[in-house]
Amino acid sequence: MIRDVVLHPDPILRAPCAPADEATDDLARDLIETMYAAEGRGLAAPQIGVSRRVFVMDCTWKEGVPDPRIFVNPEIVARAGRQVNVETCLSIPDRPRRLARPAEVTLVFDGPGGRQREAFTGFAAACVCHEMDHLDGVLVLDRPEEPA
């Protein structure tokens, strides 16, 4: 089901999320459908009004290669390097920000069969960091903007 995207300054966007329980299939499906409908590449549960540690992303669908990913109770366990990108946020429309993020991150998350570990680089690493911020109640507006 496509849901409304919560917009800043709604207080749910500033609250750290509680861990997700086992019943995340419907939430994940709603997140993916809403992300695609809003033409985003990532979406976190608080952005649809659910304060749980779940986010989805698909960094390649706009290039014609859909690869929807679901991350439940994620945790960044390693960071390396530095990159600067212009980021946009579905909850803060029309306010792009030039931000520094790690060039590589390693994420641990709940998946089929238990905890999984995966490394991300480049744009996908920045997307992971952006969505993880949402789960911690941090917005792109809270990050220092990089000079052009």
Protein backbone atom coordinates (compact mmCIF):
# COMPACT_ATOMS: atom_id res chain seq x y z
CA MET A 1 0.00 0.00 0.00
CA ILE A 2 1.32 3.43 -0.91
CA ARG A 3 1.43 5.65 2.15
CA ASP A 4 1.87 9.39 2.60
CA VAL A 5 5.44 10.53 3.16
CA VAL A 6 5.80 12.34 6.49
CA LEU A 7 7.18 15.86 5.99
CA HIS A 8 9.54 17.93 8.13
CA PRO A 9 8.96 19.25 10.82
CA ASP A 10 6.81 16.30 11.96
CA PRO A 11 8.30 15.17 15.32
CA ILE A 12 8.42 11.47 14.33
CA LEU A 13 11.34 12.38 12.03
CA ARG A 14 13.37 13.50 15.09
CA ALA A 15 12.72 10.47 17.30
CA PRO A 16 15.13 7.53 17.41
CA CYS A 17 13.30 4.39 16.27
CA ALA A 18 12.59 1.29 18.34
CA PRO A 19 13.86 -2.08 17.13
CA ALA A 20 11.64 -3.84 14.62
CA ASP A 21 9.91 -7.04 15.59
CA GLU A 22 9.48 -10.12 13.42
CA ALA A 23 6.35 -8.83 11.60
CA THR A 24 7.95 -6.48 9.09
CA ASP A 25 6.75 -7.93 5.76
CA ASP A 26 3.77 -5.57 5.36
CA LEU A 27 5.83 -2.58 6.50
CA ALA A 28 8.64 -3.42 4.06
CA ARG A 29 6.17 -3.86 1.20
CA ASP A 30 4.56 -0.49 1.99
CA LEU A 31 7.97 1.17 2.19
CA ILE A 32 9.02 -0.19 -1.22
CA GLU A 33 5.74 0.77 -2.90
CA THR A 34 5.84 4.25 -1.36
CA MET A 35 9.51 4.76 -2.28
CA TYR A 36 8.85 3.94 -5.93
CA ALA A 37 5.66 6.05 -6.04
CA ALA A 38 7.57 9.02 -4.58
CA GLU A 39 10.44 8.39 -7.03
CA GLY A 40 12.98 7.97 -4.25
CA ARG A 41 15.93 5.64 -3.90
CA GLY A 42 15.56 5.02 -0.19
CA LEU A 43 12.89 5.33 2.47
CA ALA A 44 12.92 4.72 6.22
CA ALA A 45 9.96 3.62 8.35
CA PRO A 46 9.61 6.93 10.24
CA GLN A 47 9.09 8.64 6.88
CA ILE A 48 5.75 6.83 6.64
CA GLY A 49 4.92 7.36 10.30
CA VAL A 50 6.27 4.12 11.78
CA SER A 51 8.96 4.45 14.44
CA ARG A 52 10.75 1.13 13.77
CA ARG A 53 14.29 0.36 12.63
CA VAL A 54 13.50 -0.61 9.03
CA PHE A 55 14.52 1.00 5.77
CA VAL A 56 14.45 0.10 2.10
CA MET A 57 16.55 1.24 -0.83
CA ASP A 58 16.96 0.69 -4.52
CA CYS A 59 19.90 2.63 -5.91
CA THR A 60 19.60 1.35 -9.50
CA TRP A 61 15.90 1.28 -10.40
CA LYS A 62 16.01 4.70 -12.10
CA GLU A 63 18.60 3.27 -14.51
CA GLY A 64 16.22 0.42 -15.38
CA VAL A 65 17.74 -2.21 -13.08
CA PRO A 66 15.39 -2.65 -10.10
CA ASP A 67 17.03 -4.12 -7.00
CA PRO A 68 14.80 -3.39 -3.98
CA ARG A 69 16.53 -4.10 -0.68
CA ILE A 70 15.05 -4.37 2.83
CA PHE A 71 17.08 -3.71 5.97
CA VAL A 72 15.65 -4.63 9.38
CA ASN A 73 17.41 -3.55 12.59
CA PRO A 74 20.47 -2.36 10.66
CA GLU A 75 23.72 -1.22 12.23
CA ILE A 76 26.73 0.32 10.53
CA VAL A 77 29.76 -1.57 11.87
CA ALA A 78 32.51 -0.07 9.69
CA ARG A 79 33.13 3.14 7.74
CA ALA A 80 35.99 4.09 5.41
CA GLY A 81 36.93 6.90 3.07
CA ARG A 82 35.04 10.06 2.22
CA GLN A 83 32.77 11.21 -0.58
CA VAL A 84 30.68 14.32 -1.16
CA ASN A 85 27.28 14.15 -2.86
CA VAL A 86 24.21 16.31 -3.22
CA GLU A 87 21.45 14.59 -1.26
CA THR A 88 17.73 15.10 -1.39
CA CYS A 89 15.15 13.82 1.07
CA LEU A 90 11.54 12.86 0.39
CA SER A 91 10.59 14.30 3.80
CA ILE A 92 12.27 17.64 3.05
CA PRO A 93 11.36 18.36 -0.57
CA ASP A 94 13.17 20.97 -2.62
CA ARG A 95 16.05 21.35 -0.12
CA PRO A 96 19.07 19.54 -1.60
CA ARG A 97 22.19 19.48 0.59
CA ARG A 98 25.83 18.86 -0.32
CA LEU A 99 27.04 16.41 2.34
CA ALA A 100 30.12 14.36 3.13
CA ARG A 101 29.56 10.67 3.84
CA PRO A 102 31.81 7.61 4.08
CA ALA A 103 32.79 6.15 0.70
CA GLU A 104 32.34 2.64 2.14
CA VAL A 105 30.17 1.24 4.91
CA THR A 106 29.57 -2.23 6.25
CA LEU A 107 26.05 -2.92 7.45
CA VAL A 108 24.80 -5.71 9.70
CA PHE A 109 21.04 -6.35 9.59
CA ASP A 110 18.34 -8.97 10.18
CA GLY A 111 17.57 -11.05 7.12
CA PRO A 112 16.35 -14.48 6.17
CA GLY A 113 18.29 -16.94 8.28
CA GLY A 114 19.53 -14.42 10.85
CA ARG A 115 21.97 -11.54 10.95
CA GLN A 116 23.63 -10.65 7.65
CA ARG A 117 26.64 -8.50 6.83
CA GLU A 118 27.15 -6.55 3.61
CA ALA A 119 29.50 -3.83 2.37
CA PHE A 120 28.33 -0.87 0.28
CA THR A 121 30.38 1.66 -1.69
CA GLY A 122 29.78 4.93 -3.51
CA PHE A 123 26.21 6.13 -3.88
CA ALA A 124 24.84 3.02 -2.12
CA ALA A 125 27.02 3.79 0.93
CA ALA A 126 25.70 7.36 1.04
CA CYS A 127 22.13 6.06 0.73
CA VAL A 128 22.66 3.62 3.61
CA CYS A 129 24.01 6.46 5.78
CA HIS A 130 21.10 8.76 4.86
CA GLU A 131 18.51 6.13 5.77
CA MET A 132 20.35 5.12 8.95
CA ASP A 133 20.23 8.78 10.00
CA HIS A 134 16.43 8.64 9.71
CA LEU A 135 16.33 5.68 12.08
CA ASP A 136 18.32 7.72 14.60
CA GLY A 137 16.17 10.86 14.27
CA VAL A 138 18.83 12.75 12.30
CA LEU A 139 17.98 14.74 9.16
CA VAL A 140 20.11 16.06 6.32
CA LEU A 141 19.45 19.53 7.80
CA ASP A 142 21.47 18.46 10.87
CA ARG A 143 24.58 17.63 8.84
CA PRO A 144 27.10 20.34 7.96
CA GLU A 145 26.88 21.34 4.33
CA GLU A 146 30.06 20.99 2.25
CA PRO A 147 31.27 23.94 0.17
CA ALA A 148 30.86 23.64 -3.57
